[in-house]
C-alpha atoms as a PDB file:
ATOM      1  CA  MET A   1      79.658  33.578  78.930  1.00  0.00           C
ATOM      2  CA  LYS A   2      75.930  33.960  78.217  1.00  0.00           C
ATOM      3  CA  LEU A   3      75.387  30.219  77.970  1.00  0.00           C
ATOM      4  CA  ASP A   4      74.264  28.050  80.888  1.00  0.00           C
ATOM      5  CA  GLN A   5      76.362  24.879  80.840  1.00  0.00           C
ATOM      6  CA  ASN A   6      74.374  23.067  83.538  1.00  0.00           C
ATOM      7  CA  ARG A   7      71.063  23.891  81.876  1.00  0.00           C
ATOM      8  CA  CYS A   8      72.404  22.564  78.570  1.00  0.00           C
ATOM      9  CA  LYS A   9      73.362  19.242  80.143  1.00  0.00           C
ATOM     10  CA  GLN A  10      69.977  18.975  81.856  1.00  0.00           C
ATOM     11  CA  ILE A  11      68.028  19.641  78.645  1.00  0.00           C
ATOM     12  CA  LEU A  12      70.068  17.167  76.634  1.00  0.00           C
ATOM     13  CA  GLY A  13      69.568  14.594  79.370  1.00  0.00           C
ATOM     14  CA  ASN A  14      65.818  15.036  78.962  1.00  0.00           C
ATOM     15  CA  PHE A  15      66.116  14.459  75.216  1.00  0.00           C
ATOM     16  CA  MET A  16      68.231  11.372  75.871  1.00  0.00           C
ATOM     17  CA  GLU A  17      65.281   9.962  77.846  1.00  0.00           C
ATOM     18  CA  LEU A  18      63.197  10.478  74.696  1.00  0.00           C
ATOM     19  CA  GLY A  19      65.690   8.379  72.746  1.00  0.00           C
ATOM     20  CA  VAL A  20      66.828  11.033  70.264  1.00  0.00           C
ATOM     21  CA  ILE A  21      70.392  11.636  71.520  1.00  0.00           C
ATOM     22  CA  LYS A  22      73.049   9.361  73.011  1.00  0.00           C
ATOM     23  CA  THR A  23      75.323   9.879  76.007  1.00  0.00           C
ATOM     24  CA  SER A  24      78.393  10.046  73.765  1.00  0.00           C
ATOM     25  CA  GLU A  25      76.719  12.763  71.676  1.00  0.00           C
ATOM     26  CA  ILE A  26      75.884  14.773  74.800  1.00  0.00           C
ATOM     27  CA  ASP A  27      79.573  14.544  75.719  1.00  0.00           C
ATOM     28  CA  GLU A  28      80.418  16.050  72.311  1.00  0.00           C
ATOM     29  CA  VAL A  29      78.147  19.014  72.993  1.00  0.00           C
ATOM     30  CA  MET A  30      79.445  19.571  76.510  1.00  0.00           C
ATOM     31  CA  ALA A  31      83.034  19.549  75.210  1.00  0.00           C
ATOM     32  CA  LEU A  32      82.300  22.984  73.704  1.00  0.00           C
ATOM     33  CA  PHE A  33      82.252  24.442  77.218  1.00  0.00           C
ATOM     34  CA  ALA A  34      85.782  23.249  78.056  1.00  0.00           C
ATOM     35  CA  PRO A  35      88.472  25.968  78.253  1.00  0.00           C
ATOM     36  CA  SER A  36      90.598  23.843  75.910  1.00  0.00           C
ATOM     37  CA  PHE A  37      87.946  23.859  73.173  1.00  0.00           C
ATOM     38  CA  PRO A  38      89.596  25.421  70.088  1.00  0.00           C
ATOM     39  CA  TRP A  39      86.755  27.940  69.628  1.00  0.00           C
ATOM     40  CA  ALA A  40      86.415  28.892  73.300  1.00  0.00           C
ATOM     41  CA  ALA A  41      86.580  32.563  72.268  1.00  0.00           C
ATOM     42  CA  SER A  42      83.496  32.061  70.095  1.00  0.00           C
ATOM     43  CA  MET A  43      81.693  30.327  72.941  1.00  0.00           C
ATOM     44  CA  ASN A  44      82.474  33.264  75.224  1.00  0.00           C
ATOM     45  CA  VAL A  45      80.616  35.701  72.945  1.00  0.00           C
ATOM     46  CA  ALA A  46      77.937  33.325  71.636  1.00  0.00           C
ATOM     47  CA  ASP A  47      74.299  34.241  72.150  1.00  0.00           C
ATOM     48  CA  SER A  48      73.221  30.618  71.889  1.00  0.00           C
ATOM     49  CA  VAL A  49      74.221  27.142  70.814  1.00  0.00           C
ATOM     50  CA  HIS A  50      72.004  24.802  68.873  1.00  0.00           C
ATOM     51  CA  VAL A  51      72.023  21.028  68.787  1.00  0.00           C
ATOM     52  CA  HIS A  52      70.691  19.655  65.499  1.00  0.00           C
ATOM     53  CA  LEU A  53      69.286  16.130  65.684  1.00  0.00           C
ATOM     54  CA  ARG A  54      68.138  13.984  62.764  1.00  0.00           C
ATOM     55  CA  VAL A  55      65.170  11.628  63.199  1.00  0.00           C
ATOM     56  CA  ASP A  56      63.068   9.494  60.889  1.00  0.00           C
ATOM     57  CA  ASP A  57      59.866  11.506  61.348  1.00  0.00           C
ATOM     58  CA  VAL A  58      59.548  14.773  63.259  1.00  0.00           C
ATOM     59  CA  SER A  59      55.773  14.418  63.448  1.00  0.00           C
ATOM     60  CA  ARG A  60      56.109  11.258  65.543  1.00  0.00           C
ATOM     61  CA  LEU A  61      58.093  12.912  68.348  1.00  0.00           C
ATOM     62  CA  PRO A  62      56.437  13.235  71.784  1.00  0.00           C
ATOM     63  CA  HIS A  63      56.004  16.984  71.377  1.00  0.00           C
ATOM     64  CA  ASP A  64      53.821  17.269  74.478  1.00  0.00           C
ATOM     65  CA  ARG A  65      56.676  15.946  76.612  1.00  0.00           C
ATOM     66  CA  ILE A  66      59.106  18.352  74.980  1.00  0.00           C
ATOM     67  CA  LEU A  67      56.798  21.315  75.617  1.00  0.00           C
ATOM     68  CA  ALA A  68      56.582  20.238  79.263  1.00  0.00           C
ATOM     69  CA  MET A  69      60.327  20.913  79.533  1.00  0.00           C
ATOM     70  CA  GLY A  70      59.524  24.634  79.423  1.00  0.00           C
ATOM     71  CA  THR A  71      59.736  25.636  75.771  1.00  0.00           C
ATOM     72  CA  GLN A  72      57.635  26.601  72.757  1.00  0.00           C
ATOM     73  CA  ALA A  73      58.054  25.418  69.191  1.00  0.00           C
ATOM     74  CA  GLU A  74      59.581  27.839  66.672  1.00  0.00           C
ATOM     75  CA  ASN A  75      59.776  27.637  62.861  1.00  0.00           C
ATOM     76  CA  ALA A  76      57.755  24.428  62.859  1.00  0.00           C
ATOM     77  CA  LYS A  77      57.452  23.079  59.310  1.00  0.00           C
ATOM     78  CA  ASP A  78      56.899  19.646  57.821  1.00  0.00           C
ATOM     79  CA  GLY A  79      59.987  17.685  58.824  1.00  0.00           C
ATOM     80  CA  TYR A  80      61.554  20.474  60.884  1.00  0.00           C
ATOM     81  CA  ILE A  81      61.104  22.047  64.316  1.00  0.00           C
ATOM     82  CA  LYS A  82      63.108  24.195  66.712  1.00  0.00           C
ATOM     83  CA  TYR A  83      62.803  24.249  70.497  1.00  0.00           C
ATOM     84  CA  PRO A  84      64.543  27.163  72.279  1.00  0.00           C
ATOM     85  CA  PHE A  85      65.348  26.912  75.990  1.00  0.00           C
ATOM     86  CA  GLU A  86      66.488  29.369  78.633  1.00  0.00           C
ATOM     87  CA  GLY A  87      70.228  29.499  79.046  1.00  0.00           C
ATOM     88  CA  GLY A  88      70.875  29.966  75.322  1.00  0.00           C
ATOM     89  CA  ILE A  89      70.238  26.346  74.345  1.00  0.00           C
ATOM     90  CA  ASN A  90      68.260  25.494  71.197  1.00  0.00           C
ATOM     91  CA  VAL A  91      67.369  21.981  70.088  1.00  0.00           C
ATOM     92  CA  ILE A  92      66.589  21.586  66.386  1.00  0.00           C
ATOM     93  CA  ILE A  93      65.128  18.342  65.074  1.00  0.00           C
ATOM     94  CA  SER A  94      64.683  17.509  61.397  1.00  0.00           C
ATOM     95  CA  SER A  95      63.771  14.677  59.078  1.00  0.00           C
ATOM     96  CA  ILE A  96      64.071  16.620  55.794  1.00  0.00           C
ATOM     97  CA  ASP A  97      67.269  16.970  53.757  1.00  0.00           C
ATOM     98  CA  VAL A  98      69.539  19.547  55.402  1.00  0.00           C
ATOM     99  CA  ALA A  99      73.014  18.332  54.409  1.00  0.00           C
ATOM    100  CA  GLU A 100      74.970  17.391  51.310  1.00  0.00           C
ATOM    101  CA  ASP A 101      75.317  13.989  52.979  1.00  0.00           C
ATOM    102  CA  ASP A 102      71.653  13.461  52.123  1.00  0.00           C
ATOM    103  CA  TRP A 103      72.560  13.448  48.416  1.00  0.00           C
ATOM    104  CA  ILE A 104      74.687  10.294  48.794  1.00  0.00           C
ATOM    105  CA  PRO A 105      72.930   7.444  46.920  1.00  0.00           C
ATOM    106  CA  GLY A 106      71.739   4.499  48.978  1.00  0.00           C
ATOM    107  CA  PRO A 107      70.569   4.136  52.575  1.00  0.00           C
ATOM    108  CA  GLY A 108      71.684   6.924  54.835  1.00  0.00           C
ATOM    109  CA  ARG A 109      73.027   6.888  58.353  1.00  0.00           C
ATOM    110  CA  PRO A 110      70.652   5.197  60.838  1.00  0.00           C
ATOM    111  CA  ARG A 111      68.603   7.737  62.799  1.00  0.00           C
ATOM    112  CA  PRO A 112      68.390   9.305  65.304  1.00  0.00           C
ATOM    113  CA  TYR A 113      71.805  10.932  65.455  1.00  0.00           C
ATOM    114  CA  LEU A 114      73.512  14.233  66.221  1.00  0.00           C
ATOM    115  CA  ASP A 115      74.113  15.984  62.895  1.00  0.00           C
ATOM    116  CA  HIS A 116      75.929  19.092  64.092  1.00  0.00           C
ATOM    117  CA  ILE A 117      76.380  21.583  66.902  1.00  0.00           C
ATOM    118  CA  GLY A 118      76.025  25.294  66.189  1.00  0.00           C
ATOM    119  CA  ILE A 119      77.672  28.271  67.866  1.00  0.00           C
ATOM    120  CA  ASP A 120      75.544  31.329  67.187  1.00  0.00           C
ATOM    121  CA  LEU A 121      77.329  34.683  67.091  1.00  0.00           C
ATOM    122  CA  ARG A 122      74.508  37.206  66.701  1.00  0.00           C
ATOM    123  CA  ASP A 123      76.447  40.307  67.752  1.00  0.00           C
ATOM    124  CA  GLU A 124      77.632  42.046  64.581  1.00  0.00           C
ATOM    125  CA  SER A 125      80.325  44.143  66.264  1.00  0.00           C
ATOM    126  CA  ALA A 126      83.840  44.312  64.841  1.00  0.00           C
ATOM    127  CA  ALA A 127      85.202  42.371  67.817  1.00  0.00           C
ATOM    128  CA  THR A 128      82.811  39.461  67.289  1.00  0.00           C
ATOM    129  CA  LYS A 129      83.425  39.496  63.540  1.00  0.00           C
ATOM    130  CA  ALA A 130      87.169  39.253  64.184  1.00  0.00           C
ATOM    131  CA  ILE A 131      86.608  36.195  66.381  1.00  0.00           C
ATOM    132  CA  PHE A 132      84.431  34.630  63.685  1.00  0.00           C
ATOM    133  CA  ASP A 133      87.015  35.338  60.977  1.00  0.00           C
ATOM    134  CA  GLU A 134      89.657  33.462  62.990  1.00  0.00           C
ATOM    135  CA  THR A 135      87.712  30.210  62.681  1.00  0.00           C
ATOM    136  CA  PRO A 136      89.569  28.753  59.639  1.00  0.00           C
ATOM    137  CA  ALA A 137      93.001  29.629  61.041  1.00  0.00           C
ATOM    138  CA  ILE A 138      92.173  27.958  64.359  1.00  0.00           C
ATOM    139  CA  ALA A 139      90.913  24.914  62.470  1.00  0.00           C
ATOM    140  CA  LYS A 140      94.171  24.634  60.560  1.00  0.00           C
ATOM    141  CA  GLN A 141      96.236  24.941  63.743  1.00  0.00           C
ATOM    142  CA  SER A 142      94.103  22.329  65.512  1.00  0.00           C
ATOM    143  CA  GLY A 143      94.037  19.801  62.700  1.00  0.00           C
ATOM    144  CA  TRP A 144      90.345  20.291  61.889  1.00  0.00           C
ATOM    145  CA  ARG A 145      88.953  20.572  58.368  1.00  0.00           C
ATOM    146  CA  THR A 146      86.810  23.556  57.408  1.00  0.00           C
ATOM    147  CA  LYS A 147      84.364  24.885  54.806  1.00  0.00           C
ATOM    148  CA  ALA A 148      82.845  28.360  54.517  1.00  0.00           C
ATOM    149  CA  GLN A 149      79.340  29.414  53.484  1.00  0.00           C
ATOM    150  CA  GLY A 150      78.079  32.869  52.609  1.00  0.00           C
ATOM    151  CA  GLY A 151      79.790  36.086  53.579  1.00  0.00           C
ATOM    152  CA  ASP A 152      80.634  39.261  51.668  1.00  0.00           C
ATOM    153  CA  GLY A 153      76.976  40.214  51.445  1.00  0.00           C
ATOM    154  CA  THR A 154      75.725  36.752  50.471  1.00  0.00           C
ATOM    155  CA  PRO A 155      73.620  35.310  53.323  1.00  0.00           C
ATOM    156  CA  VAL A 156      73.270  31.652  54.194  1.00  0.00           C
ATOM    157  CA  TYR A 157      69.711  30.299  54.059  1.00  0.00           C
ATOM    158  CA  CYS A 158      68.666  27.371  56.160  1.00  0.00           C
ATOM    159  CA  CYS A 159      65.231  26.036  57.057  1.00  0.00           C
ATOM    160  CA  HIS A 160      63.352  29.340  56.721  1.00  0.00           C
ATOM    161  CA  VAL A 161      66.009  31.516  58.364  1.00  0.00           C
ATOM    162  CA  GLU A 162      69.159  33.304  57.241  1.00  0.00           C
ATOM    163  CA  VAL A 163      72.417  34.540  58.737  1.00  0.00           C
ATOM    164  CA  GLY A 164      75.306  36.494  57.293  1.00  0.00           C
ATOM    165  CA  ALA A 165      77.940  33.756  57.072  1.00  0.00           C
ATOM    166  CA  LYS A 166      79.022  30.390  58.439  1.00  0.00           C
ATOM    167  CA  HIS A 167      82.172  28.407  58.975  1.00  0.00           C
ATOM    168  CA  TRP A 168      81.809  24.633  59.267  1.00  0.00           C
ATOM    169  CA  VAL A 169      84.572  22.754  61.070  1.00  0.00           C
ATOM    170  CA  TYR A 170      85.085  18.997  61.079  1.00  0.00           C
ATOM    171  CA  SER A 171      86.808  17.172  63.916  1.00  0.00           C
ATOM    172  CA  PRO A 172      89.855  14.954  63.352  1.00  0.00           C
ATOM    173  CA  THR A 173      88.061  12.418  65.571  1.00  0.00           C
ATOM    174  CA  ALA A 174      86.290   9.912  63.338  1.00  0.00           C
ATOM    175  CA  GLY A 175      82.510   9.920  63.673  1.00  0.00           C
ATOM    176  CA  ALA A 176      82.292  13.178  65.618  1.00  0.00           C
ATOM    177  CA  ALA A 177      79.568  15.673  64.704  1.00  0.00           C
ATOM    178  CA  CYS A 178      80.682  18.757  62.820  1.00  0.00           C
ATOM    179  CA  ILE A 179      80.454  22.212  64.348  1.00  0.00           C
ATOM    180  CA  GLU A 180      78.868  25.278  62.774  1.00  0.00           C
ATOM    181  CA  VAL A 181      80.079  28.755  63.696  1.00  0.00           C
ATOM    182  CA  ALA A 182      77.444  31.212  62.449  1.00  0.00           C
ATOM    183  CA  TYR A 183      77.819  34.990  62.314  1.00  0.00           C
ATOM    184  CA  GLY A 184      75.100  37.628  62.018  1.00  0.00           C
ATOM    185  CA  ALA A 185      71.596  38.405  63.179  1.00  0.00           C
ATOM    186  CA  LEU A 186      69.053  35.639  62.686  1.00  0.00           C
ATOM    187  CA  LYS A 187      66.399  36.635  60.158  1.00  0.00           C
ATOM    188  CA  ILE A 188      63.191  34.651  59.822  1.00  0.00           C
ATOM    189  CA  ASN A 189      61.998  34.021  56.260  1.00  0.00           C
ATOM    190  CA  GLY A 190      58.523  32.575  56.473  1.00  0.00           C
ATOM    191  CA  ASP A 191      58.335  32.635  52.675  1.00  0.00           C
ATOM    192  CA  SER A 192      61.628  30.852  52.078  1.00  0.00           C
ATOM    193  CA  MET A 193      61.193  27.362  50.633  1.00  0.00           C
ATOM    194  CA  GLY A 194      64.643  25.823  50.773  1.00  0.00           C
ATOM    195  CA  CYS A 195      68.037  25.948  52.366  1.00  0.00           C
ATOM    196  CA  ASP A 196      71.751  25.914  51.682  1.00  0.00           C
ATOM    197  CA  LEU A 197      72.666  22.364  52.541  1.00  0.00           C
ATOM    198  CA  ARG A 198      75.262  21.757  55.238  1.00  0.00           C
ATOM    199  CA  PRO A 199      78.536  21.032  53.419  1.00  0.00           C
ATOM    200  CA  ILE A 200      79.763  17.474  53.692  1.00  0.00           C
ATOM    201  CA  ASP A 201      83.043  16.818  55.488  1.00  0.00           C
ATOM    202  CA  PRO A 202      85.780  16.949  52.803  1.00  0.00           C
ATOM    203  CA  ALA A 203      87.249  13.779  54.353  1.00  0.00           C
ATOM    204  CA  HIS A 204      83.986  11.826  54.094  1.00  0.00           C
ATOM    205  CA  PRO A 205      84.705   8.663  52.065  1.00  0.00           C
ATOM    206  CA  LYS A 206      81.682   9.392  49.847  1.00  0.00           C
ATOM    207  CA  ALA A 207      82.074  13.173  49.593  1.00  0.00           C
ATOM    208  CA  ALA A 208      82.456  13.012  45.815  1.00  0.00           C
ATOM    209  CA  GLN A 209      79.130  11.191  45.489  1.00  0.00           C
ATOM    210  CA  ALA A 210      77.364  13.821  47.582  1.00  0.00           C
ATOM    211  CA  VAL A 211      78.642  16.663  45.414  1.00  0.00           C
ATOM    212  CA  CYS A 212      78.798  14.927  42.046  1.00  0.00           C
ATOM    213  CA  GLY A 213      76.158  12.229  42.289  1.00  0.00           C
ATOM    214  CA  ASP A 214      72.403  12.784  42.129  1.00  0.00           C
ATOM    215  CA  HIS A 215      72.856  16.534  42.625  1.00  0.00           C
ATOM    216  CA  ALA A 216      75.189  16.823  39.669  1.00  0.00           C
ATOM    217  CA  SER A 217      72.913  14.712  37.518  1.00  0.00           C
ATOM    218  CA  SER A 218      69.921  16.931  38.232  1.00  0.00           C
ATOM    219  CA  GLU A 219      72.057  20.000  37.693  1.00  0.00           C
ATOM    220  CA  ALA A 220      73.334  18.712  34.359  1.00  0.00           C
ATOM    221  CA  GLY A 221      69.788  17.885  33.327  1.00  0.00           C
ATOM    222  CA  ALA A 222      68.678  21.380  34.201  1.00  0.00           C
ATOM    223  CA  ILE A 223      71.473  22.904  32.148  1.00  0.00           C
ATOM    224  CA  ALA A 224      70.544  20.752  29.166  1.00  0.00           C
ATOM    225  CA  ALA A 225      66.853  21.520  29.481  1.00  0.00           C
ATOM    226  CA  THR A 226      66.988  25.220  30.189  1.00  0.00           C
ATOM    227  CA  GLY A 227      70.438  26.374  29.132  1.00  0.00           C
ATOM    228  CA  SER A 228      70.982  27.852  32.589  1.00  0.00           C
ATOM    229  CA  HIS A 229      73.083  26.858  35.584  1.00  0.00           C
ATOM    230  CA  TYR A 230      71.118  25.351  38.472  1.00  0.00           C
ATOM    231  CA  ASN A 231      72.482  25.999  41.953  1.00  0.00           C
ATOM    232  CA  VAL A 232      70.638  24.179  44.731  1.00  0.00           C
ATOM    233  CA  ALA A 233      71.489  27.031  47.108  1.00  0.00           C
ATOM    234  CA  ASP A 234      69.352  29.384  45.028  1.00  0.00           C
ATOM    235  CA  LEU A 235      66.241  27.553  46.174  1.00  0.00           C
ATOM    236  CA  GLY A 236      66.705  29.164  49.577  1.00  0.00           C
ATOM    237  CA  ARG A 237      66.728  32.592  47.918  1.00  0.00           C
ATOM    238  CA  PHE A 238      63.237  32.215  46.498  1.00  0.00           C
ATOM    239  CA  GLY A 239      61.962  34.862  48.920  1.00  0.00           C
ATOM    240  CA  GLU A 240      64.101  37.490  47.191  1.00  0.00           C
ATOM    241  CA  MET A 241      61.569  37.476  44.359  1.00  0.00           C
ATOM    242  CA  GLY A 242      59.234  39.428  46.652  1.00  0.00           C
ATOM    243  CA  LYS A 243      61.622  42.272  47.379  1.00  0.00           C
ATOM    244  CA  ASN A 244      60.579  44.393  44.415  1.00  0.00           C
ATOM    245  CA  ALA A 245      56.968  43.263  44.102  1.00  0.00           C
ATOM    246  CA  GLY A 246      55.821  42.886  47.684  1.00  0.00           C
ATOM    247  CA  PRO A 247      52.014  43.005  47.281  1.00  0.00           C
ATOM    248  CA  LEU A 248      52.005  40.512  44.414  1.00  0.00           C
ATOM    249  CA  TRP A 249      54.439  38.264  46.257  1.00  0.00           C
ATOM    250  CA  ASP A 250      52.237  38.241  49.368  1.00  0.00           C
ATOM    251  CA  LYS A 251      49.212  37.277  47.270  1.00  0.00           C
ATOM    252  CA  PHE A 252      51.185  34.512  45.602  1.00  0.00           C
ATOM    253  CA  LEU A 253      52.355  33.104  48.943  1.00  0.00           C
ATOM    254  CA  ALA A 254      48.839  33.119  50.379  1.00  0.00           C
ATOM    255  CA  TYR A 255      47.490  31.305  47.325  1.00  0.00           C
ATOM    256  CA  TYR A 256      50.452  28.919  47.170  1.00  0.00           C
ATOM    257  CA  ALA A 257      50.117  27.976  50.844  1.00  0.00           C
ATOM    258  CA  ALA A 258      46.369  27.405  50.537  1.00  0.00           C
ATOM    259  CA  ALA A 259      46.706  25.359  47.363  1.00  0.00           C
ATOM    260  CA  THR A 260      49.660  23.165  48.352  1.00  0.00           C
ATOM    261  CA  GLY A 261      50.136  23.242  52.108  1.00  0.00           C
ATOM    262  CA  GLU A 262      46.766  22.299  53.579  1.00  0.00           C
ATOM    263  CA  ASP A 263      44.614  19.193  53.558  1.00  0.00           C
ATOM    264  CA  GLY A 264      41.446  19.665  51.545  1.00  0.00           C
ATOM    265  CA  ALA A 265      39.664  17.413  49.102  1.00  0.00           C
ATOM    266  CA  LEU A 266      43.215  16.234  48.471  1.00  0.00           C
ATOM    267  CA  THR A 267      45.638  15.422  51.286  1.00  0.00           C
ATOM    268  CA  LYS A 268      48.979  17.217  51.568  1.00  0.00           C
ATOM    269  CA  ARG A 269      50.648  13.962  50.496  1.00  0.00           C
ATOM    270  CA  GLU A 270      48.536  13.785  47.332  1.00  0.00           C
ATOM    271  CA  LYS A 271      49.235  17.453  46.603  1.00  0.00           C
ATOM    272  CA  ALA A 272      52.962  16.887  47.105  1.00  0.00           C
ATOM    273  CA  LEU A 273      52.923  14.025  44.592  1.00  0.00           C
ATOM    274  CA  ILE A 274      51.046  16.198  42.089  1.00  0.00           C
ATOM    275  CA  GLY A 275      53.573  18.971  42.686  1.00  0.00           C
ATOM    276  CA  LEU A 276      56.454  16.568  42.065  1.00  0.00           C
ATOM    277  CA  ALA A 277      54.877  15.431  38.788  1.00  0.00           C
ATOM    278  CA  VAL A 278      54.273  19.019  37.636  1.00  0.00           C
ATOM    279  CA  ALA A 279      57.843  19.946  38.601  1.00  0.00           C
ATOM    280  CA  HIS A 280      59.144  17.279  36.230  1.00  0.00           C
ATOM    281  CA  ALA A 281      56.688  18.200  33.464  1.00  0.00           C
ATOM    282  CA  LYS A 282      57.748  21.866  33.757  1.00  0.00           C
ATOM    283  CA  GLN A 283      61.418  20.812  34.004  1.00  0.00           C
ATOM    284  CA  CYS A 284      62.039  22.915  37.117  1.00  0.00           C
ATOM    285  CA  PRO A 285      65.005  21.565  39.129  1.00  0.00           C
ATOM    286  CA  TYR A 286      64.225  23.949  41.986  1.00  0.00           C
ATOM    287  CA  CYS A 287      60.702  22.538  42.313  1.00  0.00           C
ATOM    288  CA  ILE A 288      61.939  18.965  41.985  1.00  0.00           C
ATOM    289  CA  ASP A 289      64.361  19.638  44.827  1.00  0.00           C
ATOM    290  CA  ALA A 290      61.646  21.208  46.987  1.00  0.00           C
ATOM    291  CA  TYR A 291      58.940  18.655  46.264  1.00  0.00           C
ATOM    292  CA  VAL A 292      61.136  15.648  46.928  1.00  0.00           C
ATOM    293  CA  GLY A 293      61.410  17.081  50.438  1.00  0.00           C
ATOM    294  CA  ASN A 294      57.676  17.827  50.594  1.00  0.00           C
ATOM    295  CA  CYS A 295      56.817  14.294  49.487  1.00  0.00           C
ATOM    296  CA  VAL A 296      59.125  12.684  52.038  1.00  0.00           C
ATOM    297  CA  ALA A 297      57.867  14.960  54.825  1.00  0.00           C
ATOM    298  CA  SER A 298      54.225  14.179  53.986  1.00  0.00           C
ATOM    299  CA  GLY A 299      54.765  10.421  54.076  1.00  0.00           C
ATOM    300  CA  ALA A 300      54.896   9.614  50.358  1.00  0.00           C
ATOM    301  CA  THR A 301      56.879   6.489  49.546  1.00  0.00           C
ATOM    302  CA  VAL A 302      59.746   6.247  47.081  1.00  0.00           C
ATOM    303  CA  ASP A 303      57.594   4.035  44.827  1.00  0.00           C
ATOM    304  CA  GLN A 304      54.743   6.564  44.866  1.00  0.00           C
ATOM    305  CA  MET A 305      57.131   9.372  43.925  1.00  0.00           C
ATOM    306  CA  HIS A 306      58.559   7.399  41.010  1.00  0.00           C
ATOM    307  CA  GLU A 307      55.081   6.460  39.817  1.00  0.00           C
ATOM    308  CA  ALA A 308      54.033  10.131  39.908  1.00  0.00           C
ATOM    309  CA  VAL A 309      56.980  11.023  37.673  1.00  0.00           C
ATOM    310  CA  HIS A 310      56.034   8.238  35.259  1.00  0.00           C
ATOM    311  CA  VAL A 311      52.490   9.636  35.090  1.00  0.00           C
ATOM    312  CA  ALA A 312      53.954  13.035  34.192  1.00  0.00           C
ATOM    313  CA  ALA A 313      56.215  11.461  31.558  1.00  0.00           C
ATOM    314  CA  ALA A 314      53.387   9.431  30.021  1.00  0.00           C
ATOM    315  CA  LEU A 315      51.080  12.435  29.889  1.00  0.00           C
ATOM    316  CA  SER A 316      53.823  14.563  28.317  1.00  0.00           C
ATOM    317  CA  ALA A 317      54.307  11.919  25.643  1.00  0.00           C
ATOM    318  CA  GLY A 318      50.565  11.773  25.042  1.00  0.00           C
ATOM    319  CA  ILE A 319      50.414  15.555  24.701  1.00  0.00           C
ATOM    320  CA  ASP A 320      53.118  15.450  22.036  1.00  0.00           C
ATOM    321  CA  LEU A 321      51.338  12.660  20.192  1.00  0.00           C
ATOM    322  CA  VAL A 322      47.884  14.224  20.252  1.00  0.00           C
ATOM    323  CA  HIS A 323      49.334  17.397  18.760  1.00  0.00           C
ATOM    324  CA  GLY A 324      50.360  15.212  15.860  1.00  0.00           C
ATOM    325  CA  VAL A 325      46.724  15.472  14.769  1.00  0.00           C
ATOM    326  CA  GLN A 326      47.464  19.125  13.929  1.00  0.00           C
ATOM    327  CA  MET A 327      50.346  17.933  11.745  1.00  0.00           C
ATOM    328  CA  ARG A 328      48.028  15.519   9.954  1.00  0.00           C
ATOM    329  CA  ASN A 329      45.458  18.292   9.401  1.00  0.00           C
ATOM    330  CA  ALA A 330      48.166  20.502   7.921  1.00  0.00           C
ATOM    331  CA  LEU A 331      49.367  17.686   5.665  1.00  0.00           C
ATOM    332  CA  ALA A 332      45.802  16.964   4.494  1.00  0.00           C
ATOM    333  CA  ALA A 333      45.239  20.641   3.687  1.00  0.00           C
ATOM    334  CA  ARG A 334      48.287  20.493   1.417  1.00  0.00           C
ATOM    335  CA  GLY A 335      47.104  17.368  -0.337  1.00  0.00           C
ATOM    336  CA  LYS A 336      49.918  15.290   1.137  1.00  0.00           C
ATOM    337  CA  LEU A 337      47.749  12.914   3.109  1.00  0.00           C
ATOM    338  CA  ASP A 338      44.751  10.818   2.259  1.00  0.00           C
ATOM    339  CA  THR A 339      42.064  11.392   4.866  1.00  0.00           C
END
């Protein structure tokens, strides 16, 4: 095994002192190293494991204390950061939406908490692929529930990276974190602006609301407005638009980042609220999805976000009305209106 069990326990103990993981959650992670763990074969060939923690605000973490543990930040974005450690242990911390659970209406689960544990199979050999492919069968034998993502040439995008495929398995123990078994080399997509949300546990009492609630409403609205099918997973594929127009794509990204991602005369929070309003005015469900996350990550309140949308709606109505002057001009020219 490439993974250092003792190092993993030590690192997680350090994060427990920071108040972002509980003893019971550490026990869940360490259970992966037991010979009786159903996916022990995957652990034996894994290049790393990652522990994904959810917090209220990533920016408020004591990052200096984390760096003192002997790590460097990777893929740091608003509301998301990854800390890799020697021994094949990665700690990922997020406050943005990363799971279908986040689509459930109403207050979410109190943070911090352990969202999931990942087993990373980077070796793309036939032997490792065979072990990965056994994941659903092992889940069925062990009484776990499972969902698949990607595969057959369709990658899975998540938080600016991609892998070939994933299997998600859900423990029969109530309240336990789910486990992600990921297959394929990790590819960094600095220009990717979304992710394929972690599937919700099929046994979750509100699973139908996560899949058919706000998400479905926005999807239905997009279909009505544009006549096309909106798939939230496609947001993570935005970077594909640069594959056949690389130079133009690079120029767009540079301009986009400068215009939206940096404080200037306007703060990033103000720019995010403007972006959210424009996304509604342009009727772009992808942008609405992205800018809800940007607004939350930049500290915008729910009331501010709603008010921004009302500004967009009011202005759109005003634009329609002011164009009515053209109608009146046309009517006057035809002698149908007294000026």
